[in-house]
Amino acid sequence: MTFIHSRAREFANQLKAQIEHGHKPGDLLLPTAMLSKEHGVTLWTVRGALHLLSREGVIASYSNKGYYVMARDGKPLNPPVPLQRQIADDLRQKILNEDYEPQEKLPSLRELARTYRCSTAPVRGAFEILQDEKLLITVPQDGTYVNTSPDSSHEEGRS
């Protein structure tokens, strides 16, 4: 039998409430270190809370890539979408909706990492995805810009 400290139980209840009100099945939770920092609790408290929520079927671990929210009906989910793909999808939508206009410089990797509450690696991966799709152009020592003539395969997304 695993001993779970009362603070972990309290934090598990707090996380569960956040999950029920702000997450949908398949959403990835923040990494343990970020949860610890954001909520001012120890890593042991976070790990204990995640263990409890996992046992309750609220969350599940996915290939050591983090925890994701389970479906409320207990049905299996498709694997969660990698964070770099989620960021790429969001940025793509902003480009296609012209929230970012052609030739506009995007915020830096660090700024976007703060916005998406992650490290710079997933943002860099998202940039690479969008560069492959010809939506972004990176100018060394300058920044990343919206391409002025994006690939026509994305044109049907514009309305």
Protein backbone atom coordinates (compact mmCIF):
# COMPACT_ATOMS: atom_id res chain seq x y z
CA MET A 1 0.00 0.00 0.00
CA THR A 2 1.38 3.40 -1.01
CA PHE A 3 1.42 6.19 1.58
CA ILE A 4 0.09 9.45 0.13
CA HIS A 5 0.61 12.60 2.17
CA SER A 6 -2.44 14.75 2.96
CA ARG A 7 -0.99 17.66 0.95
CA ALA A 8 -0.90 15.41 -2.10
CA ARG A 9 -4.55 14.51 -1.52
CA GLU A 10 -5.46 18.21 -1.24
CA PHE A 11 -3.50 19.02 -4.40
CA ALA A 12 -5.11 16.07 -6.21
CA ASN A 13 -8.54 17.51 -5.36
CA GLN A 14 -7.44 20.95 -6.58
CA LEU A 15 -6.11 19.50 -9.85
CA LYS A 16 -9.22 17.39 -10.33
CA ALA A 17 -11.41 20.49 -10.02
CA GLN A 18 -9.23 22.32 -12.58
CA ILE A 19 -9.40 19.34 -14.94
CA GLU A 20 -13.19 19.10 -14.65
CA HIS A 21 -13.64 22.81 -15.40
CA GLY A 22 -10.88 23.58 -17.87
CA HIS A 23 -9.66 20.49 -19.72
CA LYS A 24 -11.10 18.14 -22.26
CA PRO A 25 -10.21 14.47 -22.68
CA GLY A 26 -6.83 14.07 -24.32
CA ASP A 27 -5.40 17.36 -23.05
CA LEU A 28 -1.87 17.09 -21.75
CA LEU A 29 -1.20 18.41 -18.26
CA LEU A 30 1.74 20.66 -17.53
CA PRO A 31 4.99 18.85 -16.69
CA THR A 32 5.47 18.03 -12.99
CA ALA A 33 8.13 20.71 -12.49
CA MET A 34 5.85 23.39 -13.95
CA LEU A 35 2.89 22.20 -11.83
CA SER A 36 5.13 22.38 -8.77
CA LYS A 37 6.30 25.90 -9.55
CA GLU A 38 2.90 27.21 -10.62
CA HIS A 39 1.10 25.91 -7.54
CA GLY A 40 3.90 26.39 -5.00
CA VAL A 41 4.03 22.74 -3.95
CA THR A 42 6.89 20.25 -3.87
CA LEU A 43 7.58 17.77 -6.65
CA TRP A 44 6.70 14.98 -4.19
CA THR A 45 3.30 16.55 -3.64
CA VAL A 46 2.72 16.83 -7.41
CA ARG A 47 3.82 13.23 -8.01
CA GLY A 48 1.60 11.97 -5.19
CA ALA A 49 -1.38 13.89 -6.56
CA LEU A 50 -0.77 12.60 -10.09
CA HIS A 51 -0.51 9.06 -8.72
CA LEU A 52 -3.88 9.45 -6.97
CA LEU A 53 -5.58 10.93 -10.04
CA SER A 54 -4.12 8.17 -12.19
CA ARG A 55 -5.50 5.50 -9.82
CA GLU A 56 -8.91 7.22 -9.97
CA GLY A 57 -8.85 7.14 -13.79
CA VAL A 58 -8.95 10.94 -14.09
CA ILE A 59 -5.58 11.06 -15.86
CA ALA A 60 -3.20 8.58 -17.46
CA SER A 61 0.47 8.55 -18.29
CA TYR A 62 1.33 8.38 -21.97
CA SER A 63 4.65 6.71 -22.82
CA ASN A 64 6.53 8.75 -20.21
CA LYS A 65 5.66 11.90 -22.17
CA GLY A 66 3.40 13.27 -19.50
CA TYR A 67 -0.10 12.93 -18.14
CA TYR A 68 -3.24 13.48 -20.12
CA VAL A 69 -6.91 13.78 -19.19
CA MET A 70 -8.97 10.62 -19.57
CA ALA A 71 -12.48 10.50 -20.98
CA ARG A 72 -15.11 10.82 -18.27
CA ASP A 73 -16.93 7.72 -19.53
CA GLY A 74 -13.75 5.64 -19.21
CA LYS A 75 -13.52 4.87 -22.93
CA PRO A 76 -9.98 4.70 -24.33
CA LEU A 77 -8.69 7.83 -26.03
CA ASN A 78 -6.52 8.37 -29.01
CA PRO A 79 -2.99 9.31 -27.94
CA PRO A 80 -2.68 13.00 -27.11
CA VAL A 81 -1.47 15.36 -29.81
CA PRO A 82 2.19 16.31 -29.24
CA LEU A 83 2.64 19.83 -27.89
CA GLN A 84 4.64 21.01 -30.91
CA ARG A 85 1.75 19.91 -33.16
CA GLN A 86 -0.79 21.71 -30.93
CA ILE A 87 1.27 24.90 -31.10
CA ALA A 88 1.73 24.54 -34.87
CA ASP A 89 -2.03 24.07 -35.30
CA ASP A 90 -2.74 27.16 -33.22
CA LEU A 91 -0.18 29.32 -35.04
CA ARG A 92 -1.39 28.01 -38.42
CA GLN A 93 -4.94 29.03 -37.55
CA LYS A 94 -3.75 32.49 -36.49
CA ILE A 95 -1.85 32.87 -39.78
CA LEU A 96 -4.79 31.69 -41.87
CA ASN A 97 -7.16 33.99 -39.94
CA GLU A 98 -4.63 36.78 -40.52
CA ASP A 99 -4.05 37.39 -36.82
CA TYR A 100 -0.46 37.30 -38.07
CA GLU A 101 -0.26 39.06 -41.44
CA PRO A 102 2.12 38.28 -44.31
CA GLN A 103 5.65 39.55 -43.62
CA GLU A 104 4.81 40.03 -39.92
CA LYS A 105 7.51 39.00 -37.50
CA LEU A 106 6.34 36.42 -34.97
CA PRO A 107 7.18 36.73 -31.28
CA SER A 108 10.46 35.12 -30.23
CA LEU A 109 10.74 31.47 -29.19
CA ARG A 110 10.96 32.54 -25.56
CA GLU A 111 7.91 34.79 -25.76
CA LEU A 112 5.85 32.07 -27.40
CA ALA A 113 7.13 29.51 -24.88
CA ARG A 114 5.80 31.77 -22.11
CA THR A 115 2.50 32.15 -23.96
CA TYR A 116 2.12 28.37 -24.40
CA ARG A 117 3.58 27.66 -20.96
CA CYS A 118 6.26 25.29 -22.21
CA SER A 119 9.96 25.19 -23.01
CA THR A 120 11.28 26.58 -26.29
CA ALA A 121 11.72 23.09 -27.81
CA PRO A 122 8.03 22.54 -28.72
CA VAL A 123 7.81 26.07 -30.13
CA ARG A 124 10.92 25.43 -32.23
CA GLY A 125 9.31 22.17 -33.41
CA ALA A 126 6.12 24.04 -34.32
CA PHE A 127 8.17 26.57 -36.31
CA GLU A 128 9.83 23.69 -38.19
CA ILE A 129 6.44 22.17 -39.03
CA LEU A 130 5.15 25.52 -40.33
CA GLN A 131 8.39 26.15 -42.26
CA ASP A 132 7.95 22.76 -43.96
CA GLU A 133 4.42 23.88 -44.88
CA LYS A 134 5.89 27.12 -46.28
CA LEU A 135 3.86 29.26 -43.88
CA LEU A 136 6.90 30.62 -42.03
CA ILE A 137 10.34 31.83 -43.05
CA THR A 138 13.18 32.16 -40.55
CA VAL A 139 15.85 34.77 -41.21
CA PRO A 140 19.02 33.92 -39.26
CA GLN A 141 19.92 36.51 -36.63
CA ASP A 142 16.64 38.33 -37.29
CA GLY A 143 13.55 36.25 -36.55
CA THR A 144 10.69 34.23 -37.97
CA TYR A 145 8.19 35.79 -40.35
CA VAL A 146 4.89 34.85 -41.97
CA ASN A 147 5.57 33.87 -45.57
CA THR A 148 4.08 36.28 -48.11
CA SER A 149 3.05 33.46 -50.45
CA PRO A 150 2.04 30.44 -48.37
CA ASP A 151 1.64 27.05 -49.98
CA SER A 152 -1.62 26.85 -51.92
CA SER A 153 -2.59 23.67 -50.00
CA HIS A 154 -3.58 25.94 -47.11
CA GLU A 155 -5.56 28.41 -49.18
CA GLU A 156 -8.84 26.52 -48.70
CA GLY A 157 -8.55 27.36 -44.98
CA ARG A 158 -9.07 31.04 -45.80
CA SER A 159 -12.62 32.34 -46.01
